[in-house]
Amino acid sequence: QCSNARCGDRRDGPGEGFNDPRPVTPVGGNTGTTLGQQRLIAFQHAANIWAGLVSSAVTIRVGANFDPLPCNATGAVLGAAGPTTVFRDFPGAPRPSTWYPGALASALSGRDLDAGHDDDIGATFNSAIGTTCAFPRVWYYGLDGNPPASQIDFVSVVVHELGHGLGFLTFIDVSSGAKFFGFNDTFMLNLEGHGASPSDFPSMTDAQRVAASTDTGNLHWVGTNVEAA
């Protein structure tokens, strides 16, 4: 887990990222006494949040690391995560000719569809924030969801990014609008450009999908369960 998963397949070398030995003071329920320990504890805490929500008989593996990402005095890339594999037309697939991210596809099929691959999700976060970058806001590694105004809640960022890795994303090329190898993906089936004609992403032309992707306020996700809630 992270539910049924092993999270924190750490890809950092000695002395960096999750292995950073610099001493820190425990904060917000995080008992780590080195920067690397606090990062790993906070990451696992975020993974455990998903563990309580995701149902899968197949272990979901997350490979995670810290790297210096773009960062300056006025802005910073916090991090990113996404699926490492995609599948379609597998046993148990709800729809034919439709892409599903690896972790979701394996959960739906009840078996590991890519047993030879180490990680289902790859995740990287910005080690420059609070260390080598002039960006004024620093990471908050507490587990209580209560960061000071000058800090960025790492747990919230990880929860958000792991959501992408689990399947909250579309595989269309956002610059061209093209479908991934010409096939729909399960997320885009519920994307709607409100007021567009046609309004559903699968039926749009590539150019229409590009326009709808940046149509602030009119891009909706209209899954049945979401609308019912």
Protein backbone atom coordinates (compact mmCIF):
# COMPACT_ATOMS: atom_id res chain seq x y z
CA GLN A 1 0.00 0.00 0.00
CA CYS A 2 0.51 2.75 0.46
CA SER A 3 -2.86 0.70 1.14
CA ASN A 4 -1.83 -2.40 -0.13
CA ALA A 5 1.27 -0.75 -1.07
CA ARG A 6 4.90 -0.29 -0.40
CA CYS A 7 5.60 3.40 -0.58
CA GLY A 8 8.91 5.08 -0.41
CA ASP A 9 10.88 2.93 -2.81
CA ARG A 10 13.56 5.54 -2.31
CA ARG A 11 15.59 6.44 -5.36
CA ASP A 12 17.84 8.99 -3.63
CA GLY A 13 21.54 8.44 -3.13
CA PRO A 14 23.35 8.67 0.21
CA GLY A 15 23.09 12.09 1.81
CA GLU A 16 20.26 13.45 -0.36
CA GLY A 17 16.48 13.53 -0.48
CA PHE A 18 14.96 10.89 1.76
CA ASN A 19 18.49 10.13 2.99
CA ASP A 20 19.45 13.72 3.88
CA PRO A 21 21.18 13.55 7.31
CA ARG A 22 20.86 17.21 8.25
CA PRO A 23 19.39 17.50 11.78
CA VAL A 24 15.93 19.01 12.22
CA THR A 25 13.49 19.48 15.09
CA PRO A 26 10.32 17.33 15.22
CA VAL A 27 7.29 19.29 14.04
CA GLY A 28 3.51 18.82 13.84
CA GLY A 29 3.50 15.18 14.90
CA ASN A 30 6.46 14.28 12.70
CA THR A 31 9.06 12.71 15.01
CA GLY A 32 11.92 12.61 12.49
CA THR A 33 15.17 14.15 13.67
CA THR A 34 16.88 14.39 10.27
CA LEU A 35 15.57 16.07 7.15
CA GLY A 36 15.46 12.76 5.30
CA GLN A 37 13.54 11.04 8.10
CA GLN A 38 10.95 13.81 8.23
CA ARG A 39 10.49 13.68 4.48
CA LEU A 40 9.93 9.92 4.52
CA ILE A 41 7.56 10.02 7.51
CA ALA A 42 5.50 12.76 5.87
CA PHE A 43 5.49 10.94 2.53
CA GLN A 44 4.31 7.70 4.14
CA HIS A 45 1.63 9.62 6.05
CA ALA A 46 0.29 10.98 2.75
CA ALA A 47 0.42 7.49 1.25
CA ASN A 48 -1.53 6.14 4.22
CA ILE A 49 -4.30 8.66 3.53
CA TRP A 50 -4.73 7.10 0.09
CA ALA A 51 -4.41 3.65 1.70
CA GLY A 52 -7.65 4.30 3.56
CA LEU A 53 -9.46 5.18 0.34
CA VAL A 54 -8.09 2.85 -2.33
CA SER A 55 -9.30 -0.72 -2.71
CA SER A 56 -6.86 -3.02 -4.48
CA ALA A 57 -5.84 -6.63 -4.04
CA VAL A 58 -2.62 -5.81 -5.87
CA THR A 59 0.29 -4.04 -4.18
CA ILE A 60 0.73 -0.47 -5.43
CA ARG A 61 4.39 0.50 -5.49
CA VAL A 62 5.54 4.11 -5.48
CA GLY A 63 9.09 5.10 -6.37
CA ALA A 64 9.84 8.49 -4.86
CA ASN A 65 12.78 10.87 -4.69
CA PHE A 66 13.82 14.47 -4.18
CA ASP A 67 15.70 16.42 -6.84
CA PRO A 68 16.47 20.12 -7.36
CA LEU A 69 13.60 21.25 -9.60
CA PRO A 70 13.06 24.71 -11.16
CA CYS A 71 12.94 27.29 -8.42
CA ASN A 72 13.64 31.02 -8.02
CA ALA A 73 12.70 33.93 -5.79
CA THR A 74 9.19 34.24 -7.21
CA GLY A 75 8.12 30.69 -8.02
CA ALA A 76 8.94 27.01 -7.69
CA VAL A 77 7.91 23.64 -9.08
CA LEU A 78 6.78 21.68 -6.02
CA GLY A 79 6.86 18.21 -7.54
CA ALA A 80 5.14 15.79 -9.86
CA ALA A 81 3.89 12.21 -9.94
CA GLY A 82 2.29 9.99 -12.53
CA PRO A 83 1.79 6.40 -13.68
CA THR A 84 4.82 4.56 -14.99
CA THR A 85 2.71 2.25 -17.21
CA VAL A 86 -0.67 2.23 -18.97
CA PHE A 87 -2.83 -0.67 -20.18
CA ARG A 88 -5.88 -1.29 -22.34
CA ASP A 89 -8.00 -4.32 -23.26
CA PHE A 90 -6.82 -6.32 -20.25
CA PRO A 91 -8.97 -8.96 -18.49
CA GLY A 92 -11.49 -7.09 -16.35
CA ALA A 93 -11.23 -3.80 -18.23
CA PRO A 94 -14.57 -1.95 -17.89
CA ARG A 95 -14.30 -0.51 -21.42
CA PRO A 96 -12.55 -1.79 -24.53
CA SER A 97 -9.95 0.25 -26.41
CA THR A 98 -9.46 2.53 -23.41
CA TRP A 99 -6.26 3.34 -21.51
CA TYR A 100 -6.03 2.79 -17.74
CA PRO A 101 -3.05 3.75 -15.57
CA GLY A 102 -1.10 0.79 -14.24
CA ALA A 103 -2.25 0.78 -10.61
CA LEU A 104 -5.91 1.12 -11.60
CA ALA A 105 -5.65 -1.49 -14.35
CA SER A 106 -4.09 -4.01 -11.97
CA ALA A 107 -6.75 -3.30 -9.33
CA LEU A 108 -9.53 -3.84 -11.86
CA SER A 109 -8.02 -7.05 -13.21
CA GLY A 110 -7.11 -8.43 -9.79
CA ARG A 111 -3.52 -9.21 -10.77
CA ASP A 112 -0.29 -7.33 -11.35
CA LEU A 113 -0.31 -6.56 -15.05
CA ASP A 114 3.30 -5.43 -15.01
CA ALA A 115 4.96 -7.71 -12.48
CA GLY A 116 8.37 -7.13 -14.02
CA HIS A 117 8.25 -3.36 -13.43
CA ASP A 118 9.36 -2.05 -10.04
CA ASP A 119 7.02 0.91 -9.59
CA ASP A 120 3.44 1.71 -10.57
CA ILE A 121 3.88 5.40 -9.76
CA GLY A 122 6.92 7.64 -10.06
CA ALA A 123 7.12 10.75 -7.87
CA THR A 124 9.70 13.53 -7.60
CA PHE A 125 9.67 16.53 -5.25
CA ASN A 126 11.75 19.69 -5.08
CA SER A 127 14.75 19.43 -2.76
CA ALA A 128 15.80 23.01 -3.52
CA ILE A 129 12.86 24.48 -1.61
CA GLY A 130 14.08 25.56 1.81
CA THR A 131 17.66 24.58 1.06
CA THR A 132 19.36 26.09 -2.01
CA CYS A 133 16.55 28.14 -3.56
CA ALA A 134 15.61 31.77 -2.89
CA PHE A 135 11.88 30.95 -2.96
CA PRO A 136 10.60 32.43 0.33
CA ARG A 137 8.20 29.60 1.26
CA VAL A 138 9.70 26.40 2.63
CA TRP A 139 8.42 22.85 3.10
CA TYR A 140 6.37 22.01 6.19
CA TYR A 141 6.80 18.34 7.10
CA GLY A 142 4.27 18.24 9.94
CA LEU A 143 1.46 15.69 9.83
CA ASP A 144 -1.24 17.92 11.33
CA GLY A 145 -2.22 19.89 8.21
CA ASN A 146 -1.42 23.13 9.99
CA PRO A 147 1.52 24.81 8.25
CA PRO A 148 2.49 28.38 9.05
CA ALA A 149 1.51 30.89 6.36
CA SER A 150 5.10 31.03 5.13
CA GLN A 151 5.35 27.26 4.57
CA ILE A 152 4.01 24.66 2.10
CA ASP A 153 2.27 21.59 3.48
CA PHE A 154 4.28 18.70 2.04
CA VAL A 155 1.68 16.07 2.96
CA SER A 156 -1.02 17.90 0.98
CA VAL A 157 1.24 18.17 -2.05
CA VAL A 158 2.08 14.46 -1.93
CA VAL A 159 -1.60 13.49 -1.58
CA HIS A 160 -2.40 15.61 -4.63
CA GLU A 161 0.42 14.20 -6.74
CA LEU A 162 -0.21 10.56 -5.79
CA GLY A 163 -3.77 11.12 -7.01
CA HIS A 164 -2.33 11.73 -10.49
CA GLY A 165 -0.30 8.55 -10.21
CA LEU A 166 -3.40 6.56 -9.27
CA GLY A 167 -5.29 7.82 -12.30
CA PHE A 168 -6.60 11.34 -11.78
CA LEU A 169 -5.19 12.54 -15.10
CA THR A 170 -5.71 12.27 -18.83
CA PHE A 171 -3.17 10.97 -21.31
CA ILE A 172 -4.04 13.42 -24.09
CA ASP A 173 -1.21 15.59 -25.36
CA VAL A 174 -2.20 18.98 -23.94
CA SER A 175 -0.23 20.87 -26.60
CA SER A 176 -1.77 19.08 -29.59
CA GLY A 177 -4.97 17.60 -28.12
CA ALA A 178 -4.11 14.21 -29.60
CA LYS A 179 -5.23 11.03 -27.87
CA PHE A 180 -2.51 8.70 -26.62
CA PHE A 181 -1.84 6.40 -29.59
CA GLY A 182 -5.32 7.29 -30.83
CA PHE A 183 -7.28 5.76 -27.93
CA ASN A 184 -9.43 7.29 -25.19
CA ASP A 185 -8.35 7.08 -21.57
CA THR A 186 -10.71 6.37 -18.70
CA PHE A 187 -10.38 9.85 -17.13
CA MET A 188 -11.14 11.77 -20.32
CA LEU A 189 -14.41 9.85 -20.74
CA ASN A 190 -15.84 12.13 -18.05
CA LEU A 191 -14.24 15.41 -19.16
CA GLU A 192 -16.70 17.97 -20.52
CA GLY A 193 -16.13 21.33 -22.14
CA HIS A 194 -19.24 23.17 -20.99
CA GLY A 195 -20.80 25.04 -23.91
CA ALA A 196 -18.61 23.34 -26.50
CA SER A 197 -20.04 21.31 -29.36
CA PRO A 198 -19.51 18.44 -29.00
CA SER A 199 -19.01 18.81 -25.25
CA ASP A 200 -17.38 15.48 -24.39
CA PHE A 201 -13.62 15.14 -24.79
CA PRO A 202 -13.66 11.83 -26.71
CA SER A 203 -15.83 13.35 -29.47
CA MET A 204 -13.92 16.62 -29.81
CA THR A 205 -11.32 17.29 -32.44
CA ASP A 206 -7.72 17.65 -31.28
CA ALA A 207 -7.96 21.43 -31.60
CA GLN A 208 -11.18 21.52 -29.58
CA ARG A 209 -9.54 19.52 -26.76
CA VAL A 210 -6.66 22.02 -26.65
CA ALA A 211 -9.12 24.92 -26.37
CA ALA A 212 -11.28 23.16 -23.76
CA SER A 213 -8.23 22.31 -21.64
CA THR A 214 -7.60 26.00 -20.96
CA ASP A 215 -11.23 27.16 -20.82
CA THR A 216 -11.21 28.23 -17.18
CA GLY A 217 -14.55 27.68 -15.46
CA ASN A 218 -15.98 25.58 -18.29
CA LEU A 219 -13.85 22.44 -18.04
CA HIS A 220 -15.80 19.96 -15.91
CA TRP A 221 -15.37 16.38 -14.77
CA VAL A 222 -18.83 14.83 -14.85
CA GLY A 223 -18.46 11.33 -13.43
CA THR A 224 -21.74 9.92 -12.13
CA ASN A 225 -20.55 9.48 -8.54
CA VAL A 226 -19.04 12.97 -8.44
CA GLU A 227 -22.25 14.55 -9.71
CA ALA A 228 -24.33 12.54 -7.22
CA ALA A 229 -22.15 13.79 -4.38
